[in-house]
Protein backbone atom coordinates (compact mmCIF):
# COMPACT_ATOMS: atom_id res chain seq x y z
CA UNK A 1 3.88 24.38 18.11
CA UNK A 2 2.78 20.83 17.31
CA UNK A 3 -0.60 20.12 15.80
CA UNK A 4 -1.59 16.66 14.61
CA UNK A 5 -4.39 16.25 12.11
CA UNK A 6 -5.34 14.31 9.01
CA UNK A 7 -5.00 16.13 5.72
CA UNK A 8 -7.40 14.76 3.14
CA UNK A 9 -5.55 15.48 -0.06
CA UNK A 10 -3.79 13.28 -2.59
CA UNK A 11 -0.11 12.59 -2.19
CA UNK A 12 1.72 10.36 -4.63
CA UNK A 13 3.70 7.82 -2.65
CA UNK A 14 5.49 5.04 -4.41
CA UNK A 15 5.22 1.51 -3.16
CA UNK A 16 8.85 0.43 -3.32
CA UNK A 17 10.10 -2.98 -2.22
CA UNK A 18 13.66 -3.92 -1.42
CA UNK A 19 15.01 -7.43 -1.76
CA UNK A 20 16.80 -9.00 1.16
CA UNK A 21 19.90 -11.10 0.47
CA UNK A 22 18.88 -14.15 2.42
CA UNK A 23 19.66 -17.82 1.95
CA UNK A 24 16.08 -19.03 2.21
CA UNK A 25 15.57 -22.18 4.24
CA UNK A 26 12.28 -24.06 4.03
CA UNK A 27 11.33 -26.75 6.48
CA UNK A 28 10.61 -29.96 4.62
CA UNK A 29 7.20 -30.19 6.28
CA UNK A 30 5.98 -27.15 4.32
CA UNK A 31 7.42 -28.28 0.99
CA UNK A 32 5.65 -31.63 1.41
CA UNK A 33 2.43 -29.90 2.43
CA UNK A 34 2.46 -27.70 -0.70
CA UNK A 35 3.09 -30.73 -2.92
CA UNK A 36 0.22 -32.57 -1.27
CA UNK A 37 -2.16 -29.68 -1.90
CA UNK A 38 -1.05 -29.40 -5.53
CA UNK A 39 -1.81 -33.09 -6.08
CA UNK A 40 -5.36 -32.71 -4.83
CA UNK A 41 -7.71 -33.53 -7.73
CA UNK A 42 -9.80 -30.40 -7.21
CA UNK A 43 -6.71 -28.20 -7.05
CA UNK A 44 -5.40 -29.71 -10.29
CA UNK A 45 -8.72 -28.86 -11.95
CA UNK A 46 -8.54 -25.40 -10.40
CA UNK A 47 -5.10 -24.76 -11.89
CA UNK A 48 -6.48 -25.54 -15.35
CA UNK A 49 -9.61 -23.49 -14.65
CA UNK A 50 -7.49 -20.41 -13.92
CA UNK A 51 -5.94 -20.78 -17.38
CA UNK A 52 -9.30 -21.49 -19.03
CA UNK A 53 -10.90 -18.26 -17.72
CA UNK A 54 -7.89 -16.05 -18.40
CA UNK A 55 -9.91 -14.01 -20.89
CA UNK A 56 -12.50 -13.31 -18.17
CA UNK A 57 -9.74 -12.31 -15.73
CA UNK A 58 -8.42 -9.79 -18.25
CA UNK A 59 -11.97 -8.51 -18.86
CA UNK A 60 -12.44 -7.90 -15.13
CA UNK A 61 -9.00 -6.32 -15.02
CA UNK A 62 -9.75 -3.82 -17.81
CA UNK A 63 -13.29 -2.96 -16.75
CA UNK A 64 -12.35 -2.33 -13.12
CA UNK A 65 -9.40 -0.18 -14.21
CA UNK A 66 -11.80 2.02 -16.18
CA UNK A 67 -13.75 2.87 -13.02
CA UNK A 68 -12.06 5.78 -11.27
CA UNK A 69 -10.94 5.15 -7.68
CA UNK A 70 -9.22 8.38 -6.59
CA UNK A 71 -8.09 8.94 -2.99
CA UNK A 72 -11.10 8.91 -0.63
CA UNK A 73 -13.51 8.40 -3.53
CA UNK A 74 -13.40 4.64 -4.14
CA UNK A 75 -17.17 4.05 -3.85
CA UNK A 76 -18.00 3.31 -7.51
CA UNK A 77 -15.21 0.79 -7.96
CA UNK A 78 -15.97 -0.77 -4.56
CA UNK A 79 -19.63 -1.34 -5.50
CA UNK A 80 -18.65 -2.94 -8.80
CA UNK A 81 -16.04 -5.13 -7.15
CA UNK A 82 -18.63 -6.28 -4.61
CA UNK A 83 -21.10 -7.19 -7.37
CA UNK A 84 -18.44 -9.16 -9.23
CA UNK A 85 -17.52 -11.05 -6.06
CA UNK A 86 -21.16 -12.14 -5.85
CA UNK A 87 -21.10 -13.19 -9.51
CA UNK A 88 -17.99 -15.22 -8.74
CA UNK A 89 -20.08 -17.28 -6.32
CA UNK A 90 -19.43 -15.58 -2.97
CA UNK A 91 -22.89 -15.18 -1.43
CA UNK A 92 -21.98 -13.27 1.74
CA UNK A 93 -20.60 -9.95 0.46
CA UNK A 94 -20.86 -6.53 2.07
CA UNK A 95 -19.25 -3.08 2.13
CA UNK A 96 -18.31 -1.92 5.63
CA UNK A 97 -18.77 1.59 7.03
CA UNK A 98 -15.37 2.85 5.82
CA UNK A 99 -15.78 1.42 2.29
CA UNK A 100 -13.93 -1.93 2.34
CA UNK A 101 -15.46 -4.72 0.30
CA UNK A 102 -15.65 -8.02 2.19
CA UNK A 103 -16.64 -11.41 0.82
CA UNK A 104 -16.94 -14.21 3.39
CA UNK A 105 -16.58 -17.87 2.44
CA UNK A 106 -17.32 -20.15 5.38
CA UNK A 107 -15.05 -23.11 5.94
CA UNK A 108 -16.12 -26.57 7.02
CA UNK A 109 -14.71 -25.96 10.52
CA UNK A 110 -14.20 -22.21 10.45
CA UNK A 111 -12.00 -21.76 13.50
CA UNK A 112 -9.84 -19.18 11.75
CA UNK A 113 -10.29 -16.38 9.22
CA UNK A 114 -7.77 -16.21 6.36
CA UNK A 115 -7.85 -12.92 4.42
CA UNK A 116 -6.68 -12.32 0.87
CA UNK A 117 -6.55 -8.64 -0.05
CA UNK A 118 -5.96 -6.12 -2.84
CA UNK A 119 -6.54 -2.39 -2.54
CA UNK A 120 -9.28 -0.61 -4.46
CA UNK A 121 -7.83 2.90 -4.53
CA UNK A 122 -5.32 4.43 -6.92
CA UNK A 123 -3.11 7.51 -6.54
CA UNK A 124 -4.75 9.40 -9.42
CA UNK A 125 -7.03 12.40 -8.78
CA UNK A 126 -10.64 12.61 -9.86
CA UNK A 127 -11.00 13.29 -13.58
CA UNK A 128 -7.94 11.31 -14.66
CA UNK A 129 -8.44 9.51 -17.97
CA UNK A 130 -8.42 5.83 -16.97
CA UNK A 131 -9.46 4.39 -20.33
CA UNK A 132 -7.35 1.31 -21.06
CA UNK A 133 -5.31 1.50 -24.24
CA UNK A 134 -4.23 -1.78 -25.84
CA UNK A 135 -1.09 -1.82 -27.96
CA UNK A 136 -0.06 -5.26 -29.16
CA UNK A 137 0.16 -7.31 -25.94
CA UNK A 138 0.46 -4.32 -23.58
CA UNK A 139 -2.30 -2.69 -21.52
CA UNK A 140 -1.78 1.02 -20.76
CA UNK A 141 -3.77 2.95 -18.15
CA UNK A 142 -3.31 4.70 -14.81
CA UNK A 143 -3.78 2.01 -12.16
CA UNK A 144 -3.65 -0.93 -14.57
CA UNK A 145 -1.15 -2.62 -12.31
CA UNK A 146 -1.38 -0.90 -8.92
CA UNK A 147 -3.56 -2.46 -7.77
CA UNK A 148 -6.38 -3.29 -10.16
CA UNK A 149 -4.60 -6.43 -11.29
CA UNK A 150 -4.76 -7.58 -7.67
CA UNK A 151 -8.54 -7.08 -7.61
CA UNK A 152 -8.93 -9.11 -10.82
CA UNK A 153 -6.81 -11.89 -9.30
CA UNK A 154 -9.05 -12.05 -6.22
CA UNK A 155 -12.17 -12.36 -8.38
CA UNK A 156 -10.57 -15.26 -10.25
CA UNK A 157 -9.48 -16.89 -6.98
CA UNK A 158 -13.02 -16.69 -5.62
CA UNK A 159 -14.62 -18.08 -8.78
CA UNK A 160 -12.02 -20.84 -9.06
CA UNK A 161 -12.62 -22.04 -5.50
CA UNK A 162 -16.41 -22.00 -5.90
CA UNK A 163 -16.63 -23.48 -9.42
CA UNK A 164 -14.29 -26.35 -8.54
CA UNK A 165 -16.11 -27.16 -5.30
CA UNK A 166 -13.06 -26.57 -3.13
CA UNK A 167 -14.19 -26.44 0.49
CA UNK A 168 -11.68 -24.80 2.81
CA UNK A 169 -11.35 -25.97 6.40
CA UNK A 170 -11.05 -22.42 7.73
CA UNK A 171 -12.95 -19.36 6.54
CA UNK A 172 -11.61 -17.36 3.60
CA UNK A 173 -12.26 -13.62 3.43
CA UNK A 174 -11.87 -11.90 0.08
CA UNK A 175 -11.15 -8.20 0.68
CA UNK A 176 -10.85 -5.03 -1.36
CA UNK A 177 -9.48 -2.29 0.89
CA UNK A 178 -9.78 1.48 0.59
CA UNK A 179 -7.12 4.04 1.43
CA UNK A 180 -3.93 2.11 0.86
CA UNK A 181 -2.26 4.82 -1.19
CA UNK A 182 -0.70 8.10 -0.05
CA UNK A 183 -2.67 10.06 2.53
CA UNK A 184 -5.15 7.24 2.74
CA UNK A 185 -2.60 6.03 5.28
CA UNK A 186 -3.87 2.43 5.23
CA UNK A 187 -7.25 3.56 6.59
CA UNK A 188 -9.13 0.54 5.20
CA UNK A 189 -6.93 -2.13 6.74
CA UNK A 190 -6.55 -0.09 9.97
CA UNK A 191 -10.33 -0.13 10.30
CA UNK A 192 -10.53 -3.89 9.82
CA UNK A 193 -8.00 -4.66 12.52
CA UNK A 194 -9.28 -2.02 14.91
CA UNK A 195 -12.88 -3.21 14.74
CA UNK A 196 -12.12 -6.93 14.32
CA UNK A 197 -15.31 -7.49 12.34
CA UNK A 198 -14.39 -10.00 11.19
CA UNK A 199 -11.36 -10.99 13.25
CA UNK A 200 -8.47 -11.86 10.93
CA UNK A 201 -5.93 -14.56 11.80
CA UNK A 202 -3.74 -14.48 8.66
CA UNK A 203 -3.35 -11.86 5.95
CA UNK A 204 -2.26 -12.32 2.34
CA UNK A 205 -2.01 -9.11 0.30
CA UNK A 206 -1.56 -8.97 -3.47
CA UNK A 207 0.21 -5.77 -4.38
CA UNK A 208 3.19 -4.83 -6.52
CA UNK A 209 6.06 -6.69 -8.01
CA UNK A 210 6.49 -9.77 -10.08
CA UNK A 211 5.81 -13.35 -9.11
CA UNK A 212 8.31 -14.46 -6.47
CA UNK A 213 7.83 -11.50 -4.14
CA UNK A 214 7.58 -12.58 -0.50
CA UNK A 215 7.20 -9.30 1.36
CA UNK A 216 7.58 -10.16 5.04
CA UNK A 217 8.94 -6.86 6.37
CA UNK A 218 6.94 -3.65 6.72
CA UNK A 219 8.69 -0.42 5.83
CA UNK A 220 7.50 2.21 8.31
CA UNK A 221 6.92 5.84 7.38
CA UNK A 222 5.95 9.15 8.98
CA UNK A 223 4.50 11.94 6.83
CA UNK A 224 4.05 15.59 7.70
CA UNK A 225 2.59 18.83 6.45
CA UNK A 226 4.70 21.78 7.63
CA UNK A 227 3.05 25.22 7.45
CA UNK A 228 4.52 28.67 8.14
CA UNK A 229 1.88 31.45 8.38
CA UNK A 230 2.45 35.20 8.27
CA UNK A 231 0.52 38.41 7.52
CA UNK A 232 1.69 38.73 3.91
CA UNK A 233 2.11 42.03 2.10
CA UNK A 234 3.73 43.97 -0.73
CA UNK A 235 7.36 43.06 -1.47
CA UNK A 236 8.40 46.77 -1.28
CA UNK A 237 5.82 48.54 0.82
CA UNK A 238 5.66 45.84 3.52
CA UNK A 239 9.32 44.87 3.41
CA UNK A 240 10.48 43.83 6.87
CA UNK A 241 7.50 41.62 7.63
CA UNK A 242 8.15 37.94 8.37
CA UNK A 243 8.38 35.86 5.20
CA UNK A 244 7.01 32.26 5.34
CA UNK A 245 9.04 31.21 2.28
CA UNK A 246 12.28 32.39 3.83
CA UNK A 247 11.46 30.44 6.99
CA UNK A 248 10.55 27.30 5.07
CA UNK A 249 13.77 27.49 3.04
CA UNK A 250 15.81 27.88 6.21
CA UNK A 251 13.89 25.05 7.86
CA UNK A 252 14.54 22.72 4.94
CA UNK A 253 18.24 23.55 5.03
CA UNK A 254 18.39 22.92 8.79
CA UNK A 255 16.55 19.63 8.46
CA UNK A 256 18.54 18.33 5.49
CA UNK A 257 21.88 19.03 7.16
CA UNK A 258 20.89 17.24 10.37
CA UNK A 259 19.03 14.43 8.63
CA UNK A 260 21.94 13.75 6.30
CA UNK A 261 24.30 13.37 9.23
CA UNK A 262 21.88 11.09 11.08
CA UNK A 263 21.08 8.82 8.13
CA UNK A 264 24.69 8.42 7.00
CA UNK A 265 25.05 5.49 9.39
CA UNK A 266 22.82 2.89 11.02
CA UNK A 267 19.77 1.11 9.56
CA UNK A 268 18.61 2.62 6.27
CA UNK A 269 16.44 5.67 6.80
CA UNK A 270 15.19 8.01 4.07
CA UNK A 271 13.71 11.49 3.92
CA UNK A 272 12.10 13.44 1.09
CA UNK A 273 10.51 16.86 0.67
CA UNK A 274 7.98 15.96 -2.00
CA UNK A 275 5.66 18.98 -2.33
CA UNK A 276 6.13 22.73 -1.67
CA UNK A 277 3.25 25.21 -1.90
CA UNK A 278 2.59 28.90 -1.28
CA UNK A 279 2.81 32.41 -2.63
CA UNK A 280 0.62 34.44 -4.97
CA UNK A 281 2.98 36.59 -7.06
CA UNK A 282 6.61 37.53 -7.44
CA UNK A 283 6.05 40.94 -5.82
CA UNK A 284 4.04 39.74 -2.81
CA UNK A 285 5.34 38.53 0.54
CA UNK A 286 3.50 35.21 0.91
CA UNK A 287 1.07 34.73 3.79
CA UNK A 288 1.63 30.97 3.79
CA UNK A 289 4.35 28.51 2.87
CA UNK A 290 3.99 24.75 3.24
CA UNK A 291 5.62 21.46 2.37
CA UNK A 292 4.87 17.74 2.50
CA UNK A 293 7.64 15.50 3.74
CA UNK A 294 8.05 11.72 3.85
CA UNK A 295 10.38 9.88 6.28
CA UNK A 296 10.91 6.11 6.11
CA UNK A 297 12.77 3.49 8.08
CA UNK A 298 12.56 -0.16 9.05
CA UNK A 299 13.37 0.85 12.64
CA UNK A 300 10.58 2.58 14.63
CA UNK A 301 13.08 4.41 16.86
CA UNK A 302 14.78 5.88 13.81
CA UNK A 303 11.47 7.37 12.72
CA UNK A 304 11.02 8.96 16.15
CA UNK A 305 14.53 10.42 16.02
CA UNK A 306 13.88 11.87 12.57
CA UNK A 307 10.64 13.36 13.81
CA UNK A 308 12.52 15.17 16.54
CA UNK A 309 15.07 16.43 14.01
CA UNK A 310 12.24 17.78 11.87
CA UNK A 311 10.51 19.60 14.73
CA UNK A 312 13.76 21.11 16.03
CA UNK A 313 14.82 22.24 12.55
CA UNK A 314 11.52 23.99 11.90
CA UNK A 315 11.48 25.63 15.33
CA UNK A 316 14.97 27.00 14.70
CA UNK A 317 13.83 28.46 11.40
CA UNK A 318 10.78 30.00 13.08
CA UNK A 319 12.90 31.64 15.77
CA UNK A 320 15.43 32.90 13.22
CA UNK A 321 12.79 34.49 10.98
CA UNK A 322 10.94 36.14 13.87
CA UNK A 323 14.19 37.61 15.17
CA UNK A 324 14.90 39.07 11.71
CA UNK A 325 11.57 40.89 11.31
CA UNK A 326 11.50 44.69 11.35
CA UNK A 327 7.79 45.14 11.85
CA UNK A 328 4.46 43.36 12.19
CA UNK A 329 3.35 40.16 13.93
CA UNK A 330 5.38 37.00 14.40
CA UNK A 331 5.42 34.08 12.03
CA UNK A 332 3.59 30.95 13.26
CA UNK A 333 4.40 27.28 12.67
CA UNK A 334 2.07 24.29 12.39
CA UNK A 335 3.24 20.71 11.87
CA UNK A 336 0.52 18.21 11.00
CA UNK A 337 1.35 14.52 11.14
CA UNK A 338 -0.60 13.24 8.14
CA UNK A 339 0.72 9.70 7.87
CA UNK A 340 1.96 6.95 10.16
CA UNK A 341 2.68 3.57 8.64
CA UNK A 342 4.06 1.18 11.25
CA UNK A 343 7.06 -1.05 10.66
CA UNK A 344 7.73 -4.65 11.67
CA UNK A 345 8.79 -8.06 10.45
CA UNK A 346 7.33 -11.54 10.14
CA UNK A 347 10.25 -13.88 10.70
CA UNK A 348 11.17 -16.29 7.94
CA UNK A 349 10.41 -19.21 10.27
CA UNK A 350 6.72 -18.25 10.67
CA UNK A 351 4.50 -20.88 8.97
CA UNK A 352 2.80 -18.41 6.57
CA UNK A 353 6.17 -17.23 5.26
CA UNK A 354 7.45 -20.82 5.04
CA UNK A 355 4.36 -21.84 3.07
CA UNK A 356 4.74 -18.84 0.74
CA UNK A 357 8.40 -19.64 0.06
CA UNK A 358 7.62 -23.34 -0.48
CA UNK A 359 4.70 -22.57 -2.83
CA UNK A 360 6.83 -20.13 -4.82
CA UNK A 361 9.56 -22.72 -5.21
CA UNK A 362 7.00 -25.32 -6.26
CA UNK A 363 5.89 -22.97 -9.05
CA UNK A 364 9.46 -22.97 -10.35
CA UNK A 365 10.12 -19.38 -9.27
CA UNK A 366 12.94 -18.10 -7.08
CA UNK A 367 11.37 -16.51 -3.97
CA UNK A 368 12.68 -13.13 -2.78
CA UNK A 369 12.17 -11.80 0.74
CA UNK A 370 11.39 -8.10 0.42
CA UNK A 371 10.70 -4.98 2.44
CA UNK A 372 7.83 -2.72 1.40
CA UNK A 373 4.99 -0.45 2.43
CA UNK A 374 1.65 -2.20 1.82
CA UNK A 375 -1.59 -3.11 3.55
CA UNK A 376 0.41 -5.81 5.33
CA UNK A 377 2.12 -3.13 7.47
CA UNK A 378 -0.84 -3.06 9.86
CA UNK A 379 -1.18 -6.79 10.63
CA UNK A 380 2.62 -7.17 10.76
CA UNK A 381 2.85 -4.38 13.36
CA UNK A 382 0.14 -6.13 15.41
CA UNK A 383 1.85 -9.50 15.37
CA UNK A 384 -0.61 -11.08 12.92
CA UNK A 385 1.07 -13.33 10.30
CA UNK A 386 1.01 -11.41 7.02
CA UNK A 387 2.70 -11.47 3.64
CA UNK A 388 2.43 -9.47 0.43
CA UNK A 389 2.91 -11.32 -2.85
CA UNK A 390 3.33 -9.96 -6.36
CA UNK A 391 0.76 -9.45 -9.10
CA UNK A 392 2.83 -11.28 -11.66
CA UNK A 393 2.90 -10.63 -15.36
CA UNK A 394 5.18 -7.83 -16.44
CA UNK A 395 4.59 -4.15 -15.80
CA UNK A 396 5.97 -0.75 -14.98
CA UNK A 397 5.29 2.97 -14.66
CA UNK A 398 3.42 2.63 -11.37
CA UNK A 399 1.83 5.90 -10.19
CA UNK A 400 2.27 7.43 -13.65
CA UNK A 401 -0.19 8.15 -16.45
CA UNK A 402 1.76 5.72 -18.64
CA UNK A 403 1.48 2.74 -16.30
CA UNK A 404 1.51 -0.54 -18.23
CA UNK A 405 1.04 -4.27 -17.75
CA UNK A 406 1.60 -7.33 -19.96
CA UNK A 407 -0.10 -10.65 -19.35
CA UNK A 408 3.15 -12.60 -19.35
CA UNK A 409 2.11 -15.90 -17.76
CA UNK A 410 -0.07 -13.91 -15.41
CA UNK A 411 -2.04 -17.07 -14.58
CA UNK A 412 0.95 -18.39 -12.63
CA UNK A 413 0.61 -15.66 -10.00
CA UNK A 414 -3.05 -16.62 -9.50
CA UNK A 415 -2.14 -20.29 -9.21
CA UNK A 416 0.54 -19.36 -6.68
CA UNK A 417 -1.91 -17.23 -4.68
CA UNK A 418 -4.34 -20.17 -4.66
CA UNK A 419 -1.66 -22.53 -3.32
CA UNK A 420 -0.70 -20.12 -0.54
CA UNK A 421 -4.33 -19.41 0.35
CA UNK A 422 -5.30 -23.10 0.52
CA UNK A 423 -2.16 -24.02 2.44
CA UNK A 424 -3.23 -21.51 5.08
CA UNK A 425 -6.95 -22.35 5.10
CA UNK A 426 -6.66 -26.09 4.60
CA UNK A 427 -8.83 -28.22 2.29
CA UNK A 428 -11.66 -30.38 3.50
CA UNK A 429 -11.56 -33.82 1.92
């Protein structure tokens, strides 16, 4: 039996990026364009301004981190982020019906909308201690990097553009999205592109990794909750009833054997049983057994094949357990699809990617094309030019209580983001 539904619980899913071994080629037209922008008098002042207000950037970074933003409960941080966007000089700021924060800066022509995004939510459940601890030059706190640093960068970008009187040709939209992590399943960015209010023509996400990240390929993933239900009973007195745990164990074995054979060749595809739940005591036949499973691939067809393997494996386990029973009702199976992140690629030759590579090189950093699962998955899958760039600085421990970040030339990532953003929006003379 197949049942598809959303499960509103927290699932820790790591945002991993993989570097591609490419010999990056940049058309000279984009390198020259980036150099021209960097020589603009207002942009030069802006670069210095980013350094001058570094203390304020860190203040925003710390104070936003200390506002909880657990899965599906991002409201408090969203409201604060919206207020700080206004303080940065963005007059037209609102929170949409799903919870995204949107700040609209009108361009002199305004034919296109260029979005720069960071996600508001973190993976940590409500009640997590998010107080920032400072030890020497290191900031420690859950979410200090992923992705609160991105939010702080956007605030600095907005203030820098406004305070230095930089007028873009096209509109710039500063966005804080909800639901990027785990079972949020990219709900914030999905909503934006589904409703097209506003319509977005280019997307620049700030999320994960060091400066130099040029994430142009979306890693797709399917996620499932598998549930076996039975009557339950005493381990001795009711022996012979169907056992959900036994079925789940058999199902996992079936799936792993088939999945291992399938993934041993072809484009990289991964699978992981991340959470198993069920049972009440050692001497009770459980009435429910469940698991959460994550499947990833860069190829959409591979995800579909793995889905079929999963369903067949669980059905086999169901049939096996029901045939073994000695009494009572049959075991039932429910498979809920709780996550669907689409895959895709923005080719290296696309102007946004060319500009990002050229800007990264201009900053004296070696660009790296990467594959990852970020907000950019949605626009990439829809054919909208999109890229995810790194937060910069130095950090680690993402999705852990000991997450840390060091402001190691963190200003350079903001300067880089500004270059990319202005190269896409244009500057009015």
